[in-house]
Amino acid sequence: MPRYFFHLINDINATDEEGQELSGPEAARAQARGYALAMAAQSVIEYSRVDLSHRIDVADQSGEILFSTKFGDVLEIVT
């Protein structure tokens, strides 16, 4: 199975050194969405705010960024 790396890009960038074996790009996309949603929720809990431009970059084993998931992509803002 291919390995995907989930790099957090926010106020302090965090590079994923271990990665995760997943069945393919769609599984990696779903995982990135889950991570982004959890981190956005944690930001709201801790700071009562979330920066919708923060994101997770998903890279393959060669280090190529395949896609990015912004926190704003996984939230629906209702006023």
N, C-alpha and C. Protein backbone atom coordinates (compact mmCIF):
# COMPACT_ATOMS: atom_id res chain seq x y z
N MET A 1 0.84 -1.19 0.00
CA MET A 1 0.00 0.00 0.00
C MET A 1 0.88 1.25 0.00
N PRO A 2 0.42 2.29 -0.67
CA PRO A 2 1.20 3.53 -0.70
C PRO A 2 1.16 4.24 0.66
N ARG A 3 2.20 5.01 0.91
CA ARG A 3 2.30 5.78 2.15
C ARG A 3 2.06 7.26 1.82
N TYR A 4 1.23 7.90 2.65
CA TYR A 4 0.90 9.31 2.49
C TYR A 4 1.34 10.07 3.74
N PHE A 5 1.75 11.31 3.53
CA PHE A 5 2.24 12.16 4.61
C PHE A 5 1.33 13.37 4.73
N PHE A 6 0.95 13.71 5.95
CA PHE A 6 -0.01 14.77 6.21
C PHE A 6 0.70 15.91 6.95
N HIS A 7 1.08 16.94 6.20
CA HIS A 7 1.83 18.08 6.76
C HIS A 7 0.86 19.18 7.16
N LEU A 8 0.92 19.58 8.41
CA LEU A 8 0.07 20.65 8.92
C LEU A 8 0.72 21.99 8.62
N ILE A 9 -0.01 22.85 7.93
CA ILE A 9 0.47 24.19 7.59
C ILE A 9 -0.44 25.19 8.30
N ASN A 10 0.08 25.76 9.40
CA ASN A 10 -0.67 26.77 10.14
C ASN A 10 0.32 27.73 10.77
N ASP A 11 0.03 28.26 11.94
CA ASP A 11 0.93 29.22 12.57
C ASP A 11 2.32 28.61 12.81
N ILE A 12 2.35 27.34 13.12
CA ILE A 12 3.59 26.59 13.29
C ILE A 12 3.47 25.34 12.42
N ASN A 13 4.24 25.28 11.34
CA ASN A 13 4.15 24.15 10.42
C ASN A 13 4.71 22.89 11.06
N ALA A 14 4.02 21.77 10.85
CA ALA A 14 4.44 20.49 11.40
C ALA A 14 4.52 19.48 10.26
N THR A 15 5.72 18.97 10.03
CA THR A 15 5.94 18.00 8.97
C THR A 15 5.71 16.59 9.50
N ASP A 16 4.94 15.82 8.78
CA ASP A 16 4.67 14.42 9.12
C ASP A 16 5.85 13.58 8.63
N GLU A 17 6.63 13.05 9.54
CA GLU A 17 7.80 12.26 9.19
C GLU A 17 7.49 10.78 9.02
N GLU A 18 6.38 10.32 9.60
CA GLU A 18 6.05 8.89 9.58
C GLU A 18 5.12 8.50 8.44
N GLY A 19 4.12 9.31 8.21
CA GLY A 19 3.14 8.99 7.19
C GLY A 19 2.24 7.84 7.61
N GLN A 20 1.40 7.46 6.67
CA GLN A 20 0.41 6.43 6.93
C GLN A 20 0.17 5.64 5.66
N GLU A 21 0.10 4.34 5.77
CA GLU A 21 -0.23 3.51 4.62
C GLU A 21 -1.74 3.51 4.45
N LEU A 22 -2.17 3.86 3.25
CA LEU A 22 -3.60 3.90 2.93
C LEU A 22 -3.81 3.28 1.56
N SER A 23 -5.03 2.92 1.28
CA SER A 23 -5.34 2.19 0.04
C SER A 23 -5.15 3.01 -1.23
N GLY A 24 -5.24 4.33 -1.13
CA GLY A 24 -5.09 5.16 -2.32
C GLY A 24 -5.40 6.61 -2.03
N PRO A 25 -5.40 7.43 -3.09
CA PRO A 25 -5.59 8.88 -2.90
C PRO A 25 -6.92 9.27 -2.29
N GLU A 26 -7.97 8.54 -2.59
CA GLU A 26 -9.28 8.89 -2.00
C GLU A 26 -9.30 8.64 -0.50
N ALA A 27 -8.65 7.58 -0.07
CA ALA A 27 -8.53 7.30 1.36
C ALA A 27 -7.69 8.39 2.03
N ALA A 28 -6.63 8.84 1.36
CA ALA A 28 -5.79 9.91 1.89
C ALA A 28 -6.58 11.21 1.98
N ARG A 29 -7.40 11.48 0.98
CA ARG A 29 -8.23 12.70 0.99
C ARG A 29 -9.21 12.65 2.17
N ALA A 30 -9.83 11.52 2.39
CA ALA A 30 -10.77 11.37 3.51
C ALA A 30 -10.04 11.54 4.85
N GLN A 31 -8.85 11.00 4.95
CA GLN A 31 -8.07 11.13 6.18
C GLN A 31 -7.69 12.59 6.41
N ALA A 32 -7.27 13.29 5.38
CA ALA A 32 -6.92 14.70 5.50
C ALA A 32 -8.12 15.53 5.94
N ARG A 33 -9.28 15.24 5.40
CA ARG A 33 -10.50 15.96 5.80
C ARG A 33 -10.80 15.72 7.28
N GLY A 34 -10.65 14.49 7.72
CA GLY A 34 -10.88 14.17 9.13
C GLY A 34 -9.90 14.89 10.04
N TYR A 35 -8.63 14.90 9.65
CA TYR A 35 -7.62 15.62 10.44
C TYR A 35 -7.93 17.12 10.49
N ALA A 36 -8.28 17.70 9.34
CA ALA A 36 -8.56 19.13 9.29
C ALA A 36 -9.77 19.48 10.17
N LEU A 37 -10.79 18.66 10.11
CA LEU A 37 -11.97 18.91 10.93
C LEU A 37 -11.65 18.82 12.42
N ALA A 38 -10.89 17.80 12.80
CA ALA A 38 -10.52 17.64 14.21
C ALA A 38 -9.67 18.81 14.69
N MET A 39 -8.73 19.26 13.88
CA MET A 39 -7.86 20.36 14.28
C MET A 39 -8.61 21.68 14.33
N ALA A 40 -9.54 21.88 13.41
CA ALA A 40 -10.36 23.09 13.43
C ALA A 40 -11.22 23.10 14.70
N ALA A 41 -11.80 21.97 15.03
CA ALA A 41 -12.62 21.87 16.23
C ALA A 41 -11.79 22.14 17.48
N GLN A 42 -10.58 21.58 17.53
CA GLN A 42 -9.71 21.80 18.68
C GLN A 42 -9.33 23.27 18.81
N SER A 43 -9.13 23.94 17.69
CA SER A 43 -8.82 25.37 17.71
C SER A 43 -9.98 26.17 18.29
N VAL A 44 -11.18 25.82 17.92
CA VAL A 44 -12.36 26.50 18.46
C VAL A 44 -12.46 26.26 19.96
N ILE A 45 -12.24 25.02 20.39
CA ILE A 45 -12.32 24.68 21.81
C ILE A 45 -11.27 25.45 22.61
N GLU A 46 -10.04 25.47 22.12
CA GLU A 46 -8.94 26.08 22.87
C GLU A 46 -8.90 27.61 22.78
N TYR A 47 -9.21 28.15 21.59
CA TYR A 47 -8.99 29.58 21.36
C TYR A 47 -10.25 30.35 20.96
N SER A 48 -11.36 29.66 20.82
CA SER A 48 -12.62 30.27 20.38
C SER A 48 -12.49 30.92 19.01
N ARG A 49 -11.59 30.34 18.18
CA ARG A 49 -11.41 30.86 16.82
C ARG A 49 -10.81 29.75 15.98
N VAL A 50 -10.96 29.92 14.67
CA VAL A 50 -10.31 29.01 13.72
C VAL A 50 -9.90 29.82 12.50
N ASP A 51 -8.71 29.58 12.01
CA ASP A 51 -8.23 30.23 10.79
C ASP A 51 -8.55 29.29 9.63
N LEU A 52 -9.49 29.69 8.81
CA LEU A 52 -9.97 28.83 7.72
C LEU A 52 -8.93 28.60 6.63
N SER A 53 -7.84 29.39 6.64
CA SER A 53 -6.80 29.20 5.64
C SER A 53 -5.75 28.17 6.06
N HIS A 54 -5.75 27.77 7.32
CA HIS A 54 -4.84 26.72 7.74
C HIS A 54 -5.18 25.47 6.94
N ARG A 55 -4.15 24.62 6.71
CA ARG A 55 -4.40 23.50 5.81
C ARG A 55 -3.53 22.30 6.14
N ILE A 56 -3.87 21.20 5.51
CA ILE A 56 -3.07 19.99 5.54
C ILE A 56 -2.67 19.68 4.11
N ASP A 57 -1.36 19.62 3.89
CA ASP A 57 -0.83 19.22 2.58
C ASP A 57 -0.56 17.73 2.63
N VAL A 58 -1.06 17.01 1.64
CA VAL A 58 -0.85 15.57 1.57
C VAL A 58 0.19 15.28 0.50
N ALA A 59 1.24 14.58 0.92
CA ALA A 59 2.35 14.25 0.02
C ALA A 59 2.45 12.73 -0.15
N ASP A 60 3.01 12.34 -1.28
CA ASP A 60 3.26 10.91 -1.50
C ASP A 60 4.66 10.56 -0.99
N GLN A 61 5.06 9.32 -1.21
CA GLN A 61 6.35 8.82 -0.71
C GLN A 61 7.54 9.57 -1.28
N SER A 62 7.38 10.15 -2.46
CA SER A 62 8.49 10.90 -3.08
C SER A 62 8.56 12.34 -2.57
N GLY A 63 7.58 12.76 -1.76
CA GLY A 63 7.55 14.12 -1.23
C GLY A 63 6.72 15.08 -2.04
N GLU A 64 6.15 14.62 -3.16
CA GLU A 64 5.32 15.48 -4.00
C GLU A 64 3.98 15.75 -3.31
N ILE A 65 3.60 17.03 -3.22
CA ILE A 65 2.31 17.40 -2.66
C ILE A 65 1.23 17.03 -3.68
N LEU A 66 0.32 16.17 -3.26
CA LEU A 66 -0.75 15.70 -4.14
C LEU A 66 -1.96 16.64 -4.10
N PHE A 67 -2.28 17.11 -2.91
CA PHE A 67 -3.41 18.03 -2.74
C PHE A 67 -3.34 18.64 -1.35
N SER A 68 -4.13 19.68 -1.15
CA SER A 68 -4.23 20.34 0.15
C SER A 68 -5.68 20.39 0.57
N THR A 69 -5.89 20.33 1.87
CA THR A 69 -7.23 20.46 2.43
C THR A 69 -7.20 21.59 3.44
N LYS A 70 -7.87 22.69 3.12
CA LYS A 70 -7.96 23.82 4.04
C LYS A 70 -9.02 23.54 5.10
N PHE A 71 -8.81 24.10 6.27
CA PHE A 71 -9.80 23.94 7.33
C PHE A 71 -11.16 24.44 6.85
N GLY A 72 -11.16 25.52 6.08
CA GLY A 72 -12.40 26.07 5.56
C GLY A 72 -13.11 25.14 4.58
N ASP A 73 -12.37 24.18 4.01
CA ASP A 73 -12.98 23.23 3.07
C ASP A 73 -13.87 22.20 3.78
N VAL A 74 -13.65 22.01 5.08
CA VAL A 74 -14.36 20.95 5.79
C VAL A 74 -15.43 21.48 6.74
N LEU A 75 -15.58 22.80 6.78
CA LEU A 75 -16.55 23.42 7.66
C LEU A 75 -17.64 24.14 6.86
N GLU A 76 -18.81 24.11 7.39
CA GLU A 76 -19.90 24.92 6.84
C GLU A 76 -20.19 26.01 7.86
N ILE A 77 -20.02 27.25 7.44
CA ILE A 77 -20.26 28.39 8.32
C ILE A 77 -21.70 28.85 8.12
N VAL A 78 -22.46 28.83 9.21
CA VAL A 78 -23.87 29.24 9.15
C VAL A 78 -24.05 30.44 10.07
N THR A 79 -24.69 31.48 9.55
CA THR A 79 -24.91 32.67 10.38
C THR A 79 -26.38 32.90 10.60
